[in-house]
Amino acid sequence: MVSQNLQFNQHLNWSEKRRRGKNTNPEIINGAHVPIISTQLWEDVQQKKRKRSYRPTQSDKPFILSKLLRCPICGHGMVSGKSNGNYRFYQCGQYKAKGSTACKPNSINADVA
């Protein structure tokens, strides 16, 4: 059995106030339960997750025109992209986020821009 305190009703009037309506007396319940996986397995997975997380590499040539350039079709901001590690370009942010149903890539070479 694992015992863990759980909090409920931390917010009042959630639908009207969102996170602003804090409850000063939330319900605290002892959540005693049988774990589905062992504690050792949990810790091993968490350690692997921390190990795999990475900080994106910083470019020696920054994309200074991101969101300043506009897509000629939809008007959305152009965002950075890389291909094969050395070809830098800007493409429509709407296309990058939602795919070909939203817009076309409208790519432009970053060094030319």
N, C-alpha and C. Protein backbone atom coordinates (compact mmCIF):
# COMPACT_ATOMS: atom_id res chain seq x y z
N MET A 1 0.84 -1.20 0.00
CA MET A 1 0.00 0.00 0.00
C MET A 1 0.87 1.25 0.00
N VAL A 2 0.49 2.20 -0.82
CA VAL A 2 1.16 3.49 -0.88
C VAL A 2 0.18 4.52 -0.37
N SER A 3 0.66 5.39 0.50
CA SER A 3 -0.19 6.43 1.05
C SER A 3 0.27 7.78 0.51
N GLN A 4 -0.67 8.53 -0.04
CA GLN A 4 -0.34 9.83 -0.60
C GLN A 4 -1.52 10.75 -0.35
N ASN A 5 -1.25 11.98 0.08
CA ASN A 5 -2.32 12.95 0.30
C ASN A 5 -2.71 13.58 -1.03
N LEU A 6 -4.00 13.60 -1.29
CA LEU A 6 -4.55 14.19 -2.51
C LEU A 6 -5.40 15.39 -2.14
N GLN A 7 -5.34 16.45 -2.95
CA GLN A 7 -6.13 17.66 -2.69
C GLN A 7 -7.24 17.78 -3.71
N PHE A 8 -8.45 18.12 -3.25
CA PHE A 8 -9.59 18.35 -4.11
C PHE A 8 -10.18 19.71 -3.80
N ASN A 9 -10.94 20.24 -4.70
CA ASN A 9 -11.61 21.53 -4.54
C ASN A 9 -10.63 22.64 -4.19
N GLN A 10 -9.56 22.74 -4.97
CA GLN A 10 -8.58 23.79 -4.74
C GLN A 10 -9.04 25.13 -5.30
N HIS A 11 -10.00 25.11 -6.23
CA HIS A 11 -10.49 26.33 -6.87
C HIS A 11 -11.99 26.45 -6.69
N LEU A 12 -12.45 27.65 -6.46
CA LEU A 12 -13.87 27.94 -6.36
C LEU A 12 -14.34 28.59 -7.65
N ASN A 13 -15.58 28.32 -8.04
CA ASN A 13 -16.17 28.93 -9.23
C ASN A 13 -15.24 28.82 -10.44
N TRP A 14 -14.81 27.62 -10.72
CA TRP A 14 -13.83 27.39 -11.79
C TRP A 14 -14.34 27.91 -13.13
N SER A 15 -15.59 27.71 -13.44
CA SER A 15 -16.10 28.11 -14.75
C SER A 15 -16.15 29.63 -14.93
N GLU A 16 -16.25 30.39 -13.84
CA GLU A 16 -16.28 31.85 -13.95
C GLU A 16 -14.91 32.49 -13.72
N LYS A 17 -14.18 32.03 -12.72
CA LYS A 17 -12.95 32.70 -12.30
C LYS A 17 -11.67 32.00 -12.75
N ARG A 18 -11.79 30.82 -13.32
CA ARG A 18 -10.63 30.01 -13.70
C ARG A 18 -9.72 29.83 -12.49
N ARG A 19 -8.47 30.16 -12.59
CA ARG A 19 -7.54 29.89 -11.49
C ARG A 19 -7.51 30.99 -10.43
N ARG A 20 -8.29 32.02 -10.60
CA ARG A 20 -8.26 33.13 -9.64
C ARG A 20 -9.05 32.83 -8.37
N GLY A 21 -10.02 31.96 -8.44
CA GLY A 21 -10.87 31.68 -7.29
C GLY A 21 -10.30 30.58 -6.41
N LYS A 22 -9.27 30.89 -5.64
CA LYS A 22 -8.62 29.90 -4.78
C LYS A 22 -9.49 29.58 -3.57
N ASN A 23 -9.50 28.31 -3.18
CA ASN A 23 -10.22 27.87 -1.99
C ASN A 23 -9.21 27.79 -0.85
N THR A 24 -9.49 28.47 0.26
CA THR A 24 -8.55 28.48 1.38
C THR A 24 -8.57 27.17 2.16
N ASN A 25 -9.65 26.39 2.03
CA ASN A 25 -9.76 25.11 2.74
C ASN A 25 -10.05 23.97 1.76
N PRO A 26 -9.06 23.55 0.97
CA PRO A 26 -9.31 22.42 0.06
C PRO A 26 -9.43 21.12 0.84
N GLU A 27 -10.10 20.15 0.24
CA GLU A 27 -10.24 18.84 0.88
C GLU A 27 -8.94 18.07 0.69
N ILE A 28 -8.39 17.56 1.78
CA ILE A 28 -7.18 16.75 1.74
C ILE A 28 -7.56 15.33 2.17
N ILE A 29 -7.34 14.39 1.26
CA ILE A 29 -7.76 13.01 1.49
C ILE A 29 -6.54 12.10 1.40
N ASN A 30 -6.45 11.15 2.31
CA ASN A 30 -5.38 10.17 2.27
C ASN A 30 -5.71 9.14 1.19
N GLY A 31 -4.93 9.15 0.12
CA GLY A 31 -5.19 8.26 -1.01
C GLY A 31 -4.38 6.99 -0.91
N ALA A 32 -4.74 6.10 0.01
CA ALA A 32 -4.03 4.83 0.16
C ALA A 32 -4.47 3.89 -0.95
N HIS A 33 -3.51 3.37 -1.71
CA HIS A 33 -3.84 2.47 -2.80
C HIS A 33 -2.67 1.51 -3.07
N VAL A 34 -2.99 0.46 -3.76
CA VAL A 34 -1.97 -0.51 -4.17
C VAL A 34 -1.38 -0.01 -5.49
N PRO A 35 -0.08 0.19 -5.57
CA PRO A 35 0.51 0.72 -6.80
C PRO A 35 0.43 -0.30 -7.94
N ILE A 36 0.25 0.22 -9.16
CA ILE A 36 0.18 -0.64 -10.34
C ILE A 36 1.58 -1.12 -10.71
N ILE A 37 2.57 -0.23 -10.57
CA ILE A 37 3.96 -0.59 -10.85
C ILE A 37 4.79 -0.38 -9.60
N SER A 38 5.93 -1.01 -9.56
CA SER A 38 6.78 -0.89 -8.36
C SER A 38 7.43 0.49 -8.30
N THR A 39 7.78 0.91 -7.11
CA THR A 39 8.45 2.19 -6.91
C THR A 39 9.79 2.22 -7.62
N GLN A 40 10.50 1.11 -7.62
CA GLN A 40 11.80 1.04 -8.30
C GLN A 40 11.65 1.28 -9.81
N LEU A 41 10.64 0.65 -10.42
CA LEU A 41 10.40 0.84 -11.85
C LEU A 41 10.04 2.29 -12.14
N TRP A 42 9.22 2.89 -11.29
CA TRP A 42 8.84 4.31 -11.44
C TRP A 42 10.08 5.19 -11.44
N GLU A 43 10.96 4.98 -10.46
CA GLU A 43 12.18 5.80 -10.36
C GLU A 43 13.08 5.59 -11.57
N ASP A 44 13.20 4.35 -12.05
CA ASP A 44 14.03 4.08 -13.23
C ASP A 44 13.51 4.83 -14.46
N VAL A 45 12.20 4.81 -14.65
CA VAL A 45 11.61 5.49 -15.80
C VAL A 45 11.80 7.00 -15.68
N GLN A 46 11.60 7.56 -14.49
CA GLN A 46 11.79 8.99 -14.31
C GLN A 46 13.23 9.40 -14.60
N GLN A 47 14.18 8.57 -14.20
CA GLN A 47 15.59 8.86 -14.46
C GLN A 47 15.87 8.84 -15.96
N LYS A 48 15.30 7.87 -16.68
CA LYS A 48 15.48 7.80 -18.13
C LYS A 48 14.86 9.01 -18.82
N LYS A 49 13.70 9.44 -18.33
CA LYS A 49 13.07 10.63 -18.91
C LYS A 49 13.95 11.86 -18.74
N ARG A 50 14.53 12.03 -17.56
CA ARG A 50 15.41 13.17 -17.32
C ARG A 50 16.65 13.10 -18.20
N LYS A 51 17.14 11.89 -18.41
CA LYS A 51 18.34 11.70 -19.22
C LYS A 51 18.06 12.02 -20.69
N ARG A 52 16.87 11.69 -21.18
CA ARG A 52 16.53 11.90 -22.59
C ARG A 52 16.17 13.34 -22.90
N SER A 53 15.72 14.09 -21.91
CA SER A 53 15.35 15.46 -22.20
C SER A 53 16.62 16.23 -22.55
N TYR A 54 16.50 17.12 -23.47
CA TYR A 54 17.67 17.84 -23.95
C TYR A 54 17.32 19.30 -24.16
N ARG A 55 18.32 20.11 -24.19
CA ARG A 55 18.16 21.51 -24.49
C ARG A 55 18.45 21.69 -25.97
N PRO A 56 17.60 22.37 -26.71
CA PRO A 56 17.84 22.54 -28.12
C PRO A 56 19.18 23.24 -28.37
N THR A 57 19.84 22.85 -29.43
CA THR A 57 21.13 23.46 -29.75
C THR A 57 20.92 24.91 -30.15
N GLN A 58 21.81 25.74 -29.73
CA GLN A 58 21.76 27.15 -30.07
C GLN A 58 22.46 27.35 -31.41
N SER A 59 21.82 28.04 -32.30
CA SER A 59 22.39 28.27 -33.62
C SER A 59 23.39 29.41 -33.56
N ASP A 60 24.48 29.27 -34.31
CA ASP A 60 25.42 30.38 -34.40
C ASP A 60 24.88 31.44 -35.36
N LYS A 61 23.89 31.08 -36.15
CA LYS A 61 23.19 32.02 -37.03
C LYS A 61 21.73 32.05 -36.60
N PRO A 62 21.33 32.98 -35.77
CA PRO A 62 19.95 32.98 -35.27
C PRO A 62 18.95 33.35 -36.36
N PHE A 63 17.71 32.92 -36.18
CA PHE A 63 16.62 33.25 -37.09
C PHE A 63 15.96 34.53 -36.58
N ILE A 64 16.54 35.67 -36.94
CA ILE A 64 16.07 36.93 -36.37
C ILE A 64 14.78 37.44 -37.01
N LEU A 65 14.38 36.88 -38.13
CA LEU A 65 13.17 37.35 -38.80
C LEU A 65 11.94 36.50 -38.50
N SER A 66 12.06 35.55 -37.57
CA SER A 66 10.91 34.71 -37.23
C SER A 66 9.75 35.57 -36.77
N LYS A 67 8.58 35.30 -37.31
CA LYS A 67 7.32 35.98 -37.02
C LYS A 67 7.27 37.42 -37.52
N LEU A 68 8.40 37.95 -38.02
CA LEU A 68 8.35 39.26 -38.66
C LEU A 68 7.97 39.09 -40.12
N LEU A 69 8.51 38.04 -40.75
CA LEU A 69 8.12 37.72 -42.11
C LEU A 69 6.71 37.14 -42.08
N ARG A 70 5.91 37.44 -43.08
CA ARG A 70 4.53 36.97 -43.14
C ARG A 70 4.32 36.08 -44.36
N CYS A 71 3.49 35.08 -44.19
CA CYS A 71 3.15 34.17 -45.28
C CYS A 71 2.36 34.95 -46.34
N PRO A 72 2.74 34.82 -47.62
CA PRO A 72 2.02 35.58 -48.65
C PRO A 72 0.59 35.08 -48.88
N ILE A 73 0.25 33.88 -48.44
CA ILE A 73 -1.09 33.34 -48.67
C ILE A 73 -2.02 33.63 -47.49
N CYS A 74 -1.61 33.21 -46.27
CA CYS A 74 -2.52 33.33 -45.12
C CYS A 74 -2.18 34.48 -44.19
N GLY A 75 -0.99 35.07 -44.33
CA GLY A 75 -0.61 36.19 -43.47
C GLY A 75 -0.08 35.78 -42.11
N HIS A 76 0.04 34.49 -41.85
CA HIS A 76 0.56 34.00 -40.58
C HIS A 76 2.07 34.23 -40.55
N GLY A 77 2.66 34.34 -39.36
CA GLY A 77 4.09 34.55 -39.23
C GLY A 77 4.91 33.38 -39.75
N MET A 78 6.04 33.68 -40.37
CA MET A 78 6.94 32.64 -40.85
C MET A 78 7.85 32.22 -39.69
N VAL A 79 8.10 30.92 -39.57
CA VAL A 79 8.92 30.39 -38.49
C VAL A 79 10.12 29.65 -39.07
N SER A 80 11.09 29.38 -38.22
CA SER A 80 12.35 28.78 -38.67
C SER A 80 12.22 27.30 -38.94
N GLY A 81 13.12 26.81 -39.78
CA GLY A 81 13.19 25.39 -40.07
C GLY A 81 14.59 25.05 -40.54
N LYS A 82 14.97 23.80 -40.40
CA LYS A 82 16.29 23.35 -40.86
C LYS A 82 16.12 22.06 -41.63
N SER A 83 16.99 21.86 -42.60
CA SER A 83 16.99 20.64 -43.37
C SER A 83 18.43 20.16 -43.50
N ASN A 84 18.66 18.91 -43.22
CA ASN A 84 19.99 18.31 -43.30
C ASN A 84 21.01 19.04 -42.42
N GLY A 85 20.54 19.77 -41.43
CA GLY A 85 21.44 20.40 -40.47
C GLY A 85 22.08 21.68 -40.93
N ASN A 86 22.16 21.94 -42.25
CA ASN A 86 22.86 23.15 -42.67
C ASN A 86 22.01 24.07 -43.55
N TYR A 87 20.93 23.59 -44.12
CA TYR A 87 20.06 24.44 -44.93
C TYR A 87 19.01 25.06 -44.02
N ARG A 88 19.08 26.37 -43.86
CA ARG A 88 18.16 27.09 -42.98
C ARG A 88 17.11 27.81 -43.81
N PHE A 89 15.85 27.75 -43.36
CA PHE A 89 14.79 28.40 -44.11
C PHE A 89 13.69 28.86 -43.18
N TYR A 90 12.84 29.72 -43.71
CA TYR A 90 11.62 30.15 -43.03
C TYR A 90 10.45 29.50 -43.76
N GLN A 91 9.43 29.10 -43.01
CA GLN A 91 8.23 28.55 -43.62
C GLN A 91 7.02 29.05 -42.86
N CYS A 92 5.87 28.93 -43.47
CA CYS A 92 4.63 29.40 -42.87
C CYS A 92 4.39 28.69 -41.54
N GLY A 93 4.15 29.46 -40.48
CA GLY A 93 3.91 28.89 -39.15
C GLY A 93 2.63 28.10 -39.09
N GLN A 94 1.63 28.51 -39.86
CA GLN A 94 0.36 27.80 -39.91
C GLN A 94 0.58 26.41 -40.54
N TYR A 95 1.38 26.36 -41.58
CA TYR A 95 1.70 25.09 -42.23
C TYR A 95 2.47 24.18 -41.28
N LYS A 96 3.44 24.75 -40.57
CA LYS A 96 4.26 23.95 -39.65
C LYS A 96 3.42 23.39 -38.51
N ALA A 97 2.46 24.16 -38.03
CA ALA A 97 1.64 23.72 -36.90
C ALA A 97 0.51 22.78 -37.30
N LYS A 98 -0.13 23.04 -38.45
CA LYS A 98 -1.35 22.31 -38.80
C LYS A 98 -1.25 21.47 -40.06
N GLY A 99 -0.18 21.66 -40.83
CA GLY A 99 0.00 20.84 -42.02
C GLY A 99 -0.59 21.45 -43.27
N SER A 100 -0.65 20.63 -44.31
CA SER A 100 -1.02 21.12 -45.64
C SER A 100 -2.50 21.49 -45.75
N THR A 101 -3.32 21.12 -44.80
CA THR A 101 -4.73 21.52 -44.86
C THR A 101 -4.90 22.99 -44.51
N ALA A 102 -3.95 23.58 -43.77
CA ALA A 102 -4.06 24.97 -43.35
C ALA A 102 -3.46 25.93 -44.36
N CYS A 103 -2.32 25.59 -44.94
CA CYS A 103 -1.61 26.49 -45.85
C CYS A 103 -0.55 25.70 -46.60
N LYS A 104 0.25 26.40 -47.39
CA LYS A 104 1.37 25.80 -48.09
C LYS A 104 2.65 26.24 -47.36
N PRO A 105 3.78 25.50 -47.54
CA PRO A 105 4.97 25.86 -46.78
C PRO A 105 5.54 27.23 -47.13
N ASN A 106 5.47 27.65 -48.40
CA ASN A 106 6.00 28.95 -48.83
C ASN A 106 7.38 29.22 -48.25
N SER A 107 8.27 28.24 -48.38
CA SER A 107 9.61 28.35 -47.81
C SER A 107 10.46 29.38 -48.51
N ILE A 108 11.32 30.02 -47.73
CA ILE A 108 12.29 30.96 -48.26
C ILE A 108 13.61 30.72 -47.53
N ASN A 109 14.70 30.77 -48.27
CA ASN A 109 16.03 30.54 -47.69
C ASN A 109 16.31 31.63 -46.67
N ALA A 110 16.74 31.26 -45.49
CA ALA A 110 16.99 32.20 -44.39
C ALA A 110 18.14 33.15 -44.72
N ASP A 111 19.16 32.65 -45.41
CA ASP A 111 20.31 33.51 -45.74
C ASP A 111 19.94 34.55 -46.80
N VAL A 112 19.03 34.19 -47.69
CA VAL A 112 18.57 35.13 -48.71
C VAL A 112 17.66 36.19 -48.06
N ALA A 113 16.81 35.76 -47.15
CA ALA A 113 15.89 36.69 -46.49
C ALA A 113 16.67 37.69 -45.66
